[in-house]
Amino acid sequence: MRLPRLLLLIIVGPLVCPAADPVHPGDPAVTWIDPADPSLAGIRRVGEPVIARIGSTLIFEVERTIADKGVAGAVEVLHLKNLVLPTPAPGQPRVTAIKRTSLLIRNPDNAPDAADRAALEKFKAALEDGNDLPKLLFQRLDRPDTPPEWRIYQPISTQPQCVKCHGPVESLQPEVKASLARLFPGDQAVGYPVYGWRGFIRLSLAAAEPVAPAKTK
């Protein structure tokens, strides 16, 4: 199944799925939130443009770096890419983290936590069952005595330029294999077809904090 640049249909389901019990002690309880749920309005308003912009930026950076440094050189540079958090606006939800993750990781720093893995497995199951694929997934994470964390997951597909270092091992250039072996000896992120599902960009957000009233003179 071909996945377009940063994917397809909106997920359909009940407004709020029951919160899952933590998988391990200390893991947050995960609640899947339907995009139409009113509680999600502010999170979507702030988060969706940010995550769309990140996806476009990553594609541009891959193309630019490969053009400048070649594929083997890009492997060494792109794994160090840092994504800067946007400046929060008063009275609006705040982006607290940006992450790329997958079931098959290259950089150990991108390994999924329990909530990430739940999102990855949910999307993988929908893909394998031939169901409509979500454009975005939404989670609320609840921890004791802590404000909720909201997460937005946007699927990433392998574009033609991506398979130059994520494609079948036998198709990779020798210098690319050498770079991967040196930088990521435990690399799992190969064997993808063009337009295959690669993983997610994940945005974490905190709900808006009350705006302090303006001081009067």
N, C-alpha and C. Protein backbone atom coordinates (compact mmCIF):
# COMPACT_ATOMS: atom_id res chain seq x y z
N MET A 1 0.85 -1.19 0.00
CA MET A 1 0.00 0.00 0.00
C MET A 1 0.88 1.24 0.00
N ARG A 2 0.71 2.11 -0.94
CA ARG A 2 1.53 3.31 -1.04
C ARG A 2 1.05 4.34 -0.04
N LEU A 3 1.98 4.89 0.73
CA LEU A 3 1.66 5.95 1.68
C LEU A 3 2.16 7.27 1.11
N PRO A 4 1.31 8.27 0.93
CA PRO A 4 1.77 9.55 0.40
C PRO A 4 2.63 10.28 1.41
N ARG A 5 3.05 11.49 1.06
CA ARG A 5 4.12 12.15 1.79
C ARG A 5 3.93 12.13 3.28
N LEU A 6 2.90 12.65 3.81
CA LEU A 6 2.74 12.57 5.26
C LEU A 6 1.29 12.24 5.62
N LEU A 7 0.69 11.43 4.82
CA LEU A 7 -0.36 10.43 4.95
C LEU A 7 -1.81 10.86 4.79
N LEU A 8 -2.72 10.02 5.25
CA LEU A 8 -4.05 9.88 4.71
C LEU A 8 -5.18 10.38 5.61
N LEU A 9 -6.13 9.49 5.85
CA LEU A 9 -7.43 9.83 6.37
C LEU A 9 -7.43 10.13 7.85
N ILE A 10 -8.50 10.76 8.34
CA ILE A 10 -8.62 11.08 9.76
C ILE A 10 -9.17 9.87 10.49
N ILE A 11 -8.68 9.62 11.68
CA ILE A 11 -9.12 8.44 12.41
C ILE A 11 -10.56 8.59 12.87
N VAL A 12 -11.32 7.50 12.84
CA VAL A 12 -12.72 7.51 13.25
C VAL A 12 -12.85 6.59 14.45
N GLY A 13 -13.64 7.00 15.47
CA GLY A 13 -13.82 6.16 16.64
C GLY A 13 -14.61 6.88 17.69
N PRO A 14 -14.76 6.30 18.87
CA PRO A 14 -15.47 6.96 19.94
C PRO A 14 -14.73 8.20 20.37
N LEU A 15 -15.46 9.14 20.99
CA LEU A 15 -14.83 10.39 21.36
C LEU A 15 -13.65 10.18 22.29
N VAL A 16 -13.75 9.33 23.27
CA VAL A 16 -12.64 9.04 24.16
C VAL A 16 -12.59 7.55 24.39
N CYS A 17 -11.45 6.93 24.11
CA CYS A 17 -11.27 5.52 24.40
C CYS A 17 -10.89 5.38 25.87
N PRO A 18 -11.27 4.28 26.52
CA PRO A 18 -10.93 4.12 27.93
C PRO A 18 -9.43 4.17 28.14
N ALA A 19 -9.02 4.75 29.27
CA ALA A 19 -7.60 4.83 29.59
C ALA A 19 -7.06 3.43 29.85
N ALA A 20 -5.90 3.16 29.27
CA ALA A 20 -5.25 1.86 29.47
C ALA A 20 -4.49 1.87 30.79
N ASP A 21 -4.42 0.73 31.43
CA ASP A 21 -3.58 0.61 32.61
C ASP A 21 -2.13 0.71 32.19
N PRO A 22 -1.27 1.29 33.03
CA PRO A 22 0.15 1.32 32.69
C PRO A 22 0.70 -0.08 32.48
N VAL A 23 1.58 -0.20 31.46
CA VAL A 23 2.19 -1.49 31.17
C VAL A 23 3.14 -1.89 32.28
N HIS A 24 3.90 -0.95 32.80
CA HIS A 24 4.83 -1.18 33.89
C HIS A 24 4.58 -0.14 34.97
N PRO A 25 4.90 -0.44 36.22
CA PRO A 25 4.77 0.59 37.26
C PRO A 25 5.55 1.84 36.89
N GLY A 26 4.92 2.97 37.02
CA GLY A 26 5.56 4.23 36.64
C GLY A 26 5.20 4.70 35.25
N ASP A 27 4.72 3.80 34.37
CA ASP A 27 4.26 4.23 33.05
C ASP A 27 2.97 5.02 33.21
N PRO A 28 2.76 6.05 32.39
CA PRO A 28 1.49 6.78 32.46
C PRO A 28 0.34 5.96 31.90
N ALA A 29 -0.88 6.28 32.34
CA ALA A 29 -2.07 5.72 31.72
C ALA A 29 -2.30 6.46 30.40
N VAL A 30 -2.59 5.71 29.34
CA VAL A 30 -2.75 6.27 28.00
C VAL A 30 -4.21 6.26 27.61
N THR A 31 -4.72 7.42 27.19
CA THR A 31 -6.08 7.54 26.67
C THR A 31 -6.00 8.00 25.23
N TRP A 32 -6.68 7.27 24.33
CA TRP A 32 -6.74 7.69 22.93
C TRP A 32 -7.88 8.70 22.80
N ILE A 33 -7.61 9.82 22.16
CA ILE A 33 -8.57 10.91 22.02
C ILE A 33 -8.99 11.05 20.57
N ASP A 34 -10.30 11.08 20.33
CA ASP A 34 -10.79 11.29 18.98
C ASP A 34 -10.54 12.74 18.56
N PRO A 35 -10.15 12.99 17.31
CA PRO A 35 -9.88 14.37 16.87
C PRO A 35 -11.05 15.32 17.07
N ALA A 36 -12.28 14.80 17.07
CA ALA A 36 -13.45 15.67 17.22
C ALA A 36 -13.75 16.03 18.66
N ASP A 37 -13.05 15.44 19.62
CA ASP A 37 -13.31 15.73 21.03
C ASP A 37 -13.00 17.20 21.32
N PRO A 38 -13.96 17.96 21.90
CA PRO A 38 -13.71 19.38 22.17
C PRO A 38 -12.52 19.64 23.07
N SER A 39 -12.17 18.68 23.94
CA SER A 39 -11.03 18.89 24.84
C SER A 39 -9.71 18.99 24.08
N LEU A 40 -9.73 18.56 22.84
CA LEU A 40 -8.52 18.53 22.03
C LEU A 40 -8.34 19.78 21.17
N ALA A 41 -9.32 20.68 21.19
CA ALA A 41 -9.32 21.79 20.24
C ALA A 41 -8.06 22.65 20.34
N GLY A 42 -7.68 23.06 21.54
CA GLY A 42 -6.51 23.90 21.69
C GLY A 42 -5.22 23.19 21.34
N ILE A 43 -5.13 21.91 21.72
CA ILE A 43 -3.95 21.12 21.40
C ILE A 43 -3.80 21.00 19.88
N ARG A 44 -4.91 20.75 19.19
CA ARG A 44 -4.85 20.62 17.73
C ARG A 44 -4.48 21.96 17.08
N ARG A 45 -5.08 23.04 17.58
CA ARG A 45 -4.84 24.35 16.98
C ARG A 45 -3.36 24.72 17.03
N VAL A 46 -2.71 24.41 18.13
CA VAL A 46 -1.29 24.73 18.26
C VAL A 46 -0.41 23.65 17.63
N GLY A 47 -0.74 22.38 17.88
CA GLY A 47 0.17 21.31 17.52
C GLY A 47 0.18 20.92 16.06
N GLU A 48 -0.98 20.93 15.40
CA GLU A 48 -1.03 20.42 14.02
C GLU A 48 -0.17 21.24 13.06
N PRO A 49 -0.21 22.59 13.11
CA PRO A 49 0.68 23.32 12.20
C PRO A 49 2.16 23.07 12.50
N VAL A 50 2.49 22.89 13.78
CA VAL A 50 3.89 22.66 14.15
C VAL A 50 4.36 21.32 13.60
N ILE A 51 3.58 20.27 13.79
CA ILE A 51 4.03 18.94 13.36
C ILE A 51 4.07 18.84 11.83
N ALA A 52 3.16 19.53 11.15
CA ALA A 52 3.20 19.55 9.68
C ALA A 52 4.47 20.26 9.19
N ARG A 53 4.83 21.34 9.88
CA ARG A 53 6.02 22.09 9.51
C ARG A 53 7.29 21.26 9.75
N ILE A 54 7.30 20.50 10.84
CA ILE A 54 8.45 19.65 11.12
C ILE A 54 8.63 18.60 10.02
N GLY A 55 7.52 17.98 9.61
CA GLY A 55 7.59 16.97 8.55
C GLY A 55 8.16 17.53 7.26
N SER A 56 7.69 18.71 6.87
CA SER A 56 8.20 19.33 5.65
C SER A 56 9.67 19.71 5.79
N THR A 57 10.06 20.19 6.99
CA THR A 57 11.45 20.57 7.23
C THR A 57 12.37 19.37 7.14
N LEU A 58 11.95 18.24 7.70
CA LEU A 58 12.79 17.05 7.66
C LEU A 58 13.03 16.57 6.23
N ILE A 59 11.98 16.58 5.43
CA ILE A 59 12.12 16.17 4.03
C ILE A 59 13.09 17.11 3.31
N PHE A 60 12.94 18.42 3.52
CA PHE A 60 13.82 19.40 2.89
C PHE A 60 15.26 19.19 3.34
N GLU A 61 15.48 18.96 4.65
CA GLU A 61 16.83 18.78 5.16
C GLU A 61 17.50 17.54 4.59
N VAL A 62 16.75 16.45 4.44
CA VAL A 62 17.30 15.24 3.84
C VAL A 62 17.75 15.53 2.41
N GLU A 63 16.87 16.16 1.64
CA GLU A 63 17.20 16.46 0.25
C GLU A 63 18.42 17.37 0.15
N ARG A 64 18.45 18.42 0.98
CA ARG A 64 19.55 19.39 0.92
C ARG A 64 20.87 18.76 1.35
N THR A 65 20.84 17.96 2.41
CA THR A 65 22.08 17.37 2.93
C THR A 65 22.63 16.32 1.97
N ILE A 66 21.76 15.52 1.37
CA ILE A 66 22.24 14.54 0.38
C ILE A 66 22.87 15.26 -0.81
N ALA A 67 22.25 16.35 -1.25
CA ALA A 67 22.81 17.11 -2.37
C ALA A 67 24.17 17.70 -2.02
N ASP A 68 24.35 18.15 -0.77
CA ASP A 68 25.60 18.79 -0.36
C ASP A 68 26.70 17.79 -0.03
N LYS A 69 26.36 16.68 0.63
CA LYS A 69 27.36 15.81 1.21
C LYS A 69 27.35 14.39 0.68
N GLY A 70 26.37 14.07 -0.17
CA GLY A 70 26.23 12.70 -0.61
C GLY A 70 25.52 11.88 0.44
N VAL A 71 25.12 10.65 0.06
CA VAL A 71 24.32 9.84 0.96
C VAL A 71 25.11 9.43 2.20
N ALA A 72 26.33 8.97 2.04
CA ALA A 72 27.13 8.53 3.19
C ALA A 72 27.40 9.69 4.14
N GLY A 73 27.69 10.86 3.59
CA GLY A 73 27.90 12.04 4.43
C GLY A 73 26.64 12.47 5.14
N ALA A 74 25.50 12.30 4.51
CA ALA A 74 24.22 12.67 5.12
C ALA A 74 23.92 11.80 6.34
N VAL A 75 24.29 10.53 6.28
CA VAL A 75 24.07 9.64 7.43
C VAL A 75 24.74 10.21 8.67
N GLU A 76 25.93 10.73 8.50
CA GLU A 76 26.69 11.24 9.64
C GLU A 76 26.13 12.55 10.15
N VAL A 77 25.56 13.37 9.30
CA VAL A 77 25.07 14.68 9.70
C VAL A 77 23.64 14.62 10.22
N LEU A 78 22.77 13.88 9.55
CA LEU A 78 21.35 13.94 9.87
C LEU A 78 21.03 13.34 11.23
N HIS A 79 21.83 12.40 11.69
CA HIS A 79 21.52 11.82 12.99
C HIS A 79 21.76 12.80 14.13
N LEU A 80 22.47 13.90 13.87
CA LEU A 80 22.73 14.91 14.89
C LEU A 80 21.72 16.05 14.84
N LYS A 81 20.72 15.94 13.97
CA LYS A 81 19.77 17.03 13.76
C LYS A 81 18.99 17.31 15.04
N ASN A 82 19.02 18.56 15.50
CA ASN A 82 18.25 18.97 16.66
C ASN A 82 17.07 19.81 16.21
N LEU A 83 15.91 19.53 16.76
CA LEU A 83 14.70 20.26 16.44
C LEU A 83 14.38 21.22 17.58
N VAL A 84 14.32 22.51 17.27
CA VAL A 84 14.12 23.54 18.29
C VAL A 84 12.64 23.66 18.61
N LEU A 85 12.32 23.72 19.91
CA LEU A 85 10.93 23.86 20.32
C LEU A 85 10.43 25.27 20.00
N PRO A 86 9.20 25.39 19.50
CA PRO A 86 8.66 26.72 19.23
C PRO A 86 8.42 27.51 20.51
N THR A 87 8.53 28.81 20.41
CA THR A 87 8.29 29.68 21.56
C THR A 87 6.81 29.65 21.92
N PRO A 88 6.47 29.36 23.19
CA PRO A 88 5.05 29.30 23.55
C PRO A 88 4.40 30.67 23.55
N ALA A 89 3.13 30.70 23.18
CA ALA A 89 2.34 31.94 23.21
C ALA A 89 1.55 31.97 24.52
N PRO A 90 1.40 33.15 25.13
CA PRO A 90 0.64 33.23 26.38
C PRO A 90 -0.78 32.69 26.22
N GLY A 91 -1.21 31.87 27.17
CA GLY A 91 -2.56 31.35 27.15
C GLY A 91 -2.80 30.23 26.15
N GLN A 92 -1.74 29.71 25.53
CA GLN A 92 -1.87 28.65 24.54
C GLN A 92 -1.13 27.40 25.01
N PRO A 93 -1.53 26.21 24.56
CA PRO A 93 -0.75 25.01 24.88
C PRO A 93 0.71 25.17 24.47
N ARG A 94 1.57 24.49 25.19
CA ARG A 94 3.02 24.65 25.00
C ARG A 94 3.62 23.34 24.51
N VAL A 95 4.43 23.41 23.43
CA VAL A 95 5.14 22.25 22.94
C VAL A 95 6.31 21.97 23.88
N THR A 96 6.37 20.74 24.43
CA THR A 96 7.40 20.39 25.40
C THR A 96 8.45 19.44 24.85
N ALA A 97 8.15 18.74 23.76
CA ALA A 97 9.14 17.80 23.20
C ALA A 97 8.78 17.48 21.76
N ILE A 98 9.82 17.21 20.96
CA ILE A 98 9.67 16.74 19.58
C ILE A 98 10.54 15.49 19.46
N LYS A 99 9.99 14.45 18.86
CA LYS A 99 10.73 13.20 18.77
C LYS A 99 10.39 12.49 17.47
N ARG A 100 11.35 11.75 16.93
CA ARG A 100 11.09 10.81 15.86
C ARG A 100 11.29 9.41 16.42
N THR A 101 10.40 8.50 16.12
CA THR A 101 10.53 7.16 16.67
C THR A 101 9.95 6.14 15.70
N SER A 102 10.27 4.88 15.95
CA SER A 102 9.88 3.81 15.04
C SER A 102 9.95 2.48 15.79
N LEU A 103 9.34 1.46 15.21
CA LEU A 103 9.52 0.11 15.72
C LEU A 103 10.90 -0.43 15.37
N LEU A 104 11.50 0.12 14.32
CA LEU A 104 12.84 -0.28 13.89
C LEU A 104 13.72 0.95 13.93
N ILE A 105 14.51 1.09 14.97
CA ILE A 105 15.24 2.34 15.18
C ILE A 105 16.65 2.26 14.63
N ARG A 106 17.19 3.42 14.35
CA ARG A 106 18.60 3.57 13.96
C ARG A 106 19.38 4.18 15.12
N ASN A 107 18.94 5.32 15.58
CA ASN A 107 19.60 6.01 16.70
C ASN A 107 18.94 5.55 18.00
N PRO A 108 19.68 4.96 18.94
CA PRO A 108 19.07 4.51 20.20
C PRO A 108 18.35 5.62 20.96
N ASP A 109 18.74 6.88 20.74
CA ASP A 109 18.07 7.99 21.41
C ASP A 109 16.61 8.12 20.97
N ASN A 110 16.26 7.53 19.84
CA ASN A 110 14.90 7.62 19.31
C ASN A 110 14.03 6.42 19.69
N ALA A 111 14.50 5.58 20.58
CA ALA A 111 13.73 4.39 20.96
C ALA A 111 12.38 4.80 21.55
N PRO A 112 11.31 4.08 21.22
CA PRO A 112 9.99 4.44 21.72
C PRO A 112 9.85 4.13 23.20
N ASP A 113 9.14 5.00 23.94
CA ASP A 113 8.72 4.64 25.29
C ASP A 113 7.41 3.87 25.19
N ALA A 114 6.80 3.55 26.33
CA ALA A 114 5.61 2.70 26.32
C ALA A 114 4.46 3.33 25.54
N ALA A 115 4.24 4.63 25.71
CA ALA A 115 3.15 5.30 25.00
C ALA A 115 3.43 5.39 23.51
N ASP A 116 4.70 5.67 23.15
CA ASP A 116 5.09 5.68 21.74
C ASP A 116 4.83 4.31 21.11
N ARG A 117 5.23 3.27 21.82
CA ARG A 117 5.07 1.92 21.27
C ARG A 117 3.59 1.59 21.08
N ALA A 118 2.74 2.05 21.99
CA ALA A 118 1.31 1.82 21.82
C ALA A 118 0.80 2.45 20.53
N ALA A 119 1.29 3.67 20.23
CA ALA A 119 0.89 4.34 18.99
C ALA A 119 1.43 3.59 17.77
N LEU A 120 2.67 3.16 17.85
CA LEU A 120 3.27 2.43 16.73
C LEU A 120 2.53 1.13 16.46
N GLU A 121 2.20 0.40 17.51
CA GLU A 121 1.49 -0.87 17.33
C GLU A 121 0.07 -0.65 16.83
N LYS A 122 -0.57 0.42 17.27
CA LYS A 122 -1.93 0.74 16.80
C LYS A 122 -1.93 1.00 15.30
N PHE A 123 -0.96 1.78 14.83
CA PHE A 123 -0.89 2.09 13.41
C PHE A 123 -0.51 0.86 12.60
N LYS A 124 0.44 0.08 13.12
CA LYS A 124 0.88 -1.14 12.44
C LYS A 124 -0.29 -2.11 12.27
N ALA A 125 -1.12 -2.26 13.31
CA ALA A 125 -2.27 -3.16 13.23
C ALA A 125 -3.27 -2.68 12.19
N ALA A 126 -3.52 -1.36 12.14
CA ALA A 126 -4.44 -0.82 11.14
C ALA A 126 -3.91 -1.06 9.74
N LEU A 127 -2.61 -0.89 9.56
CA LEU A 127 -2.00 -1.11 8.25
C LEU A 127 -2.12 -2.57 7.82
N GLU A 128 -1.84 -3.49 8.75
CA GLU A 128 -1.88 -4.91 8.43
C GLU A 128 -3.29 -5.40 8.17
N ASP A 129 -4.27 -4.79 8.84
CA ASP A 129 -5.67 -5.20 8.68
C ASP A 129 -6.33 -4.56 7.47
N GLY A 130 -5.63 -3.65 6.79
CA GLY A 130 -6.20 -2.98 5.64
C GLY A 130 -7.24 -1.94 5.99
N ASN A 131 -7.22 -1.44 7.24
CA ASN A 131 -8.18 -0.43 7.66
C ASN A 131 -7.76 0.95 7.17
N ASP A 132 -8.71 1.90 7.26
CA ASP A 132 -8.37 3.28 6.93
C ASP A 132 -7.24 3.74 7.85
N LEU A 133 -6.23 4.37 7.29
CA LEU A 133 -5.06 4.78 8.05
C LEU A 133 -5.24 6.18 8.60
N PRO A 134 -4.90 6.40 9.86
CA PRO A 134 -5.06 7.73 10.43
C PRO A 134 -4.03 8.72 9.91
N LYS A 135 -4.46 9.93 9.73
CA LYS A 135 -3.53 11.00 9.38
C LYS A 135 -2.73 11.41 10.61
N LEU A 136 -3.40 11.43 11.75
CA LEU A 136 -2.77 11.78 13.02
C LEU A 136 -3.36 10.89 14.10
N LEU A 137 -2.57 10.60 15.13
CA LEU A 137 -3.06 9.94 16.33
C LEU A 137 -2.90 10.89 17.51
N PHE A 138 -3.85 10.84 18.44
CA PHE A 138 -3.84 11.73 19.60
C PHE A 138 -3.92 10.92 20.88
N GLN A 139 -3.05 11.23 21.83
CA GLN A 139 -3.03 10.58 23.14
C GLN A 139 -3.08 11.63 24.24
N ARG A 140 -3.65 11.21 25.38
CA ARG A 140 -3.46 11.94 26.63
C ARG A 140 -2.79 10.98 27.61
N LEU A 141 -1.71 11.43 28.22
CA LEU A 141 -0.98 10.63 29.19
C LEU A 141 -1.21 11.21 30.58
N ASP A 142 -1.65 10.36 31.49
CA ASP A 142 -1.94 10.79 32.85
C ASP A 142 -1.01 10.10 33.84
N ARG A 143 -0.36 10.93 34.68
CA ARG A 143 0.50 10.46 35.74
C ARG A 143 -0.01 11.03 37.06
N PRO A 144 0.16 10.31 38.16
CA PRO A 144 -0.33 10.82 39.44
C PRO A 144 0.29 12.18 39.79
N ASP A 145 -0.57 13.09 40.24
CA ASP A 145 -0.13 14.40 40.75
C ASP A 145 0.65 15.22 39.73
N THR A 146 0.36 14.99 38.46
CA THR A 146 1.06 15.69 37.37
C THR A 146 0.05 16.11 36.31
N PRO A 147 0.15 17.33 35.76
CA PRO A 147 -0.76 17.71 34.67
C PRO A 147 -0.62 16.75 33.50
N PRO A 148 -1.70 16.54 32.73
CA PRO A 148 -1.63 15.60 31.60
C PRO A 148 -0.61 16.05 30.55
N GLU A 149 -0.06 15.07 29.87
CA GLU A 149 0.76 15.31 28.68
C GLU A 149 -0.08 14.90 27.48
N TRP A 150 -0.12 15.76 26.46
CA TRP A 150 -0.84 15.45 25.23
C TRP A 150 0.18 15.14 24.15
N ARG A 151 -0.11 14.14 23.33
CA ARG A 151 0.79 13.77 22.25
C ARG A 151 0.05 13.70 20.92
N ILE A 152 0.72 14.20 19.89
CA ILE A 152 0.24 14.07 18.51
C ILE A 152 1.28 13.27 17.74
N TYR A 153 0.85 12.24 17.04
CA TYR A 153 1.73 11.39 16.24
C TYR A 153 1.38 11.55 14.76
N GLN A 154 2.36 11.88 13.95
CA GLN A 154 2.16 11.97 12.50
C GLN A 154 3.02 10.92 11.82
N PRO A 155 2.41 10.02 11.03
CA PRO A 155 3.20 8.99 10.36
C PRO A 155 4.18 9.57 9.35
N ILE A 156 5.30 8.90 9.21
CA ILE A 156 6.33 9.24 8.22
C ILE A 156 6.42 8.09 7.23
N SER A 157 6.47 8.41 5.95
CA SER A 157 6.71 7.39 4.93
C SER A 157 8.08 7.60 4.31
N THR A 158 8.65 6.53 3.77
CA THR A 158 9.97 6.60 3.15
C THR A 158 9.83 7.14 1.74
N GLN A 159 10.34 8.33 1.54
CA GLN A 159 10.38 8.94 0.22
C GLN A 159 11.52 8.31 -0.61
N PRO A 160 11.53 8.52 -1.92
CA PRO A 160 12.60 7.91 -2.74
C PRO A 160 14.01 8.22 -2.24
N GLN A 161 14.23 9.45 -1.74
CA GLN A 161 15.56 9.78 -1.25
C GLN A 161 15.89 9.07 0.06
N CYS A 162 14.85 8.67 0.82
CA CYS A 162 15.08 8.03 2.12
C CYS A 162 15.64 6.61 1.97
N VAL A 163 15.20 5.90 0.92
CA VAL A 163 15.64 4.51 0.79
C VAL A 163 17.10 4.39 0.39
N LYS A 164 17.75 5.51 0.11
CA LYS A 164 19.18 5.46 -0.17
C LYS A 164 19.98 5.04 1.06
N CYS A 165 19.41 5.25 2.25
CA CYS A 165 20.07 4.74 3.45
C CYS A 165 19.11 3.96 4.36
N HIS A 166 17.84 3.80 3.94
CA HIS A 166 16.88 3.00 4.70
C HIS A 166 16.31 1.85 3.87
N GLY A 167 16.77 1.68 2.64
CA GLY A 167 16.22 0.65 1.76
C GLY A 167 16.81 -0.73 2.04
N PRO A 168 16.53 -1.70 1.18
CA PRO A 168 17.10 -3.04 1.34
C PRO A 168 18.62 -2.99 1.45
N VAL A 169 19.18 -3.79 2.35
CA VAL A 169 20.62 -3.75 2.61
C VAL A 169 21.42 -3.97 1.33
N GLU A 170 20.96 -4.89 0.49
CA GLU A 170 21.72 -5.21 -0.72
C GLU A 170 21.74 -4.06 -1.72
N SER A 171 20.84 -3.09 -1.56
CA SER A 171 20.80 -1.96 -2.49
C SER A 171 21.61 -0.77 -2.00
N LEU A 172 22.12 -0.80 -0.78
CA LEU A 172 22.84 0.34 -0.22
C LEU A 172 24.26 0.40 -0.78
N GLN A 173 24.75 1.61 -1.02
CA GLN A 173 26.10 1.80 -1.50
C GLN A 173 27.10 1.35 -0.42
N PRO A 174 28.25 0.82 -0.81
CA PRO A 174 29.23 0.35 0.18
C PRO A 174 29.61 1.42 1.20
N GLU A 175 29.78 2.67 0.75
CA GLU A 175 30.15 3.73 1.69
C GLU A 175 29.03 4.04 2.67
N VAL A 176 27.78 3.85 2.25
CA VAL A 176 26.64 4.04 3.17
C VAL A 176 26.64 2.94 4.21
N LYS A 177 26.86 1.70 3.79
CA LYS A 177 26.94 0.59 4.74
C LYS A 177 28.05 0.83 5.75
N ALA A 178 29.17 1.34 5.28
CA ALA A 178 30.30 1.59 6.17
C ALA A 178 29.96 2.67 7.20
N SER A 179 29.30 3.74 6.76
CA SER A 179 28.90 4.81 7.68
C SER A 179 27.92 4.29 8.72
N LEU A 180 26.95 3.50 8.27
CA LEU A 180 25.96 2.95 9.21
C LEU A 180 26.62 2.02 10.22
N ALA A 181 27.54 1.19 9.76
CA ALA A 181 28.21 0.26 10.67
C ALA A 181 29.04 1.00 11.71
N ARG A 182 29.63 2.13 11.31
CA ARG A 182 30.46 2.90 12.23
C ARG A 182 29.62 3.69 13.23
N LEU A 183 28.56 4.33 12.73
CA LEU A 183 27.76 5.22 13.59
C LEU A 183 26.69 4.48 14.38
N PHE A 184 26.10 3.46 13.77
CA PHE A 184 24.96 2.78 14.38
C PHE A 184 25.13 1.27 14.24
N PRO A 185 26.02 0.67 15.02
CA PRO A 185 26.27 -0.76 14.87
C PRO A 185 25.06 -1.64 15.15
N GLY A 186 24.08 -1.13 15.88
CA GLY A 186 22.86 -1.90 16.13
C GLY A 186 21.70 -1.48 15.24
N ASP A 187 21.99 -0.86 14.11
CA ASP A 187 20.95 -0.31 13.22
C ASP A 187 19.92 -1.37 12.81
N GLN A 188 18.64 -1.00 12.94
CA GLN A 188 17.54 -1.85 12.49
C GLN A 188 16.77 -1.22 11.33
N ALA A 189 17.05 0.04 11.03
CA ALA A 189 16.18 0.83 10.16
C ALA A 189 16.54 0.70 8.68
N VAL A 190 16.57 -0.52 8.18
CA VAL A 190 16.81 -0.78 6.77
C VAL A 190 15.75 -1.75 6.27
N GLY A 191 15.72 -1.93 4.94
CA GLY A 191 14.76 -2.87 4.37
C GLY A 191 13.42 -2.26 4.00
N TYR A 192 13.32 -0.92 4.07
CA TYR A 192 12.05 -0.27 3.75
C TYR A 192 11.88 -0.11 2.24
N PRO A 193 10.65 -0.29 1.73
CA PRO A 193 10.37 0.05 0.34
C PRO A 193 10.07 1.54 0.20
N VAL A 194 10.10 2.04 -1.01
CA VAL A 194 9.66 3.42 -1.25
C VAL A 194 8.19 3.53 -0.85
N TYR A 195 7.88 4.60 -0.13
CA TYR A 195 6.54 4.91 0.38
C TYR A 195 6.06 3.89 1.43
N GLY A 196 6.98 3.15 2.02
CA GLY A 196 6.62 2.31 3.15
C GLY A 196 6.51 3.15 4.41
N TRP A 197 5.78 2.64 5.39
CA TRP A 197 5.64 3.36 6.65
C TRP A 197 6.92 3.23 7.46
N ARG A 198 7.48 4.35 7.87
CA ARG A 198 8.76 4.38 8.58
C ARG A 198 8.60 4.49 10.09
N GLY A 199 7.64 5.28 10.55
CA GLY A 199 7.46 5.53 11.97
C GLY A 199 6.66 6.79 12.18
N PHE A 200 6.96 7.52 13.25
CA PHE A 200 6.20 8.72 13.59
C PHE A 200 7.12 9.89 13.91
N ILE A 201 6.62 11.09 13.63
CA ILE A 201 7.05 12.29 14.33
C ILE A 201 6.08 12.45 15.49
N ARG A 202 6.62 12.68 16.68
CA ARG A 202 5.76 12.84 17.86
C ARG A 202 5.98 14.21 18.49
N LEU A 203 4.86 14.89 18.75
CA LEU A 203 4.87 16.18 19.41
C LEU A 203 4.23 16.00 20.78
N SER A 204 4.89 16.44 21.84
CA SER A 204 4.31 16.44 23.18
C SER A 204 3.95 17.88 23.55
N LEU A 205 2.78 18.03 24.18
CA LEU A 205 2.31 19.36 24.55
C LEU A 205 1.76 19.35 25.97
N ALA A 206 1.86 20.50 26.62
CA ALA A 206 1.21 20.74 27.90
C ALA A 206 0.05 21.69 27.67
N ALA A 207 -1.02 21.51 28.42
CA ALA A 207 -2.20 22.38 28.27
C ALA A 207 -1.85 23.82 28.61
N ALA A 208 -2.66 24.74 28.11
CA ALA A 208 -2.43 26.16 28.34
C ALA A 208 -2.49 26.48 29.83
N GLU A 209 -1.60 27.34 30.26
CA GLU A 209 -1.63 27.84 31.63
C GLU A 209 -2.43 29.14 31.67
N PRO A 210 -3.13 29.39 32.78
CA PRO A 210 -3.91 30.63 32.87
C PRO A 210 -3.02 31.85 32.69
N VAL A 211 -3.55 32.84 31.97
CA VAL A 211 -2.83 34.08 31.75
C VAL A 211 -3.07 35.00 32.94
N ALA A 212 -1.99 35.51 33.53
CA ALA A 212 -2.13 36.41 34.67
C ALA A 212 -2.80 37.71 34.23
N PRO A 213 -3.75 38.23 35.01
CA PRO A 213 -4.40 39.49 34.63
C PRO A 213 -3.41 40.64 34.57
N ALA A 214 -3.65 41.54 33.63
CA ALA A 214 -2.77 42.70 33.48
C ALA A 214 -2.88 43.59 34.71
N LYS A 215 -1.73 44.12 35.11
CA LYS A 215 -1.71 45.00 36.28
C LYS A 215 -2.28 46.36 35.90
N THR A 216 -3.09 46.89 36.76
CA THR A 216 -3.64 48.23 36.53
C THR A 216 -2.81 49.25 37.27
N LYS A 217 -2.67 50.40 36.67
CA LYS A 217 -1.88 51.46 37.30
C LYS A 217 -2.74 52.19 38.33
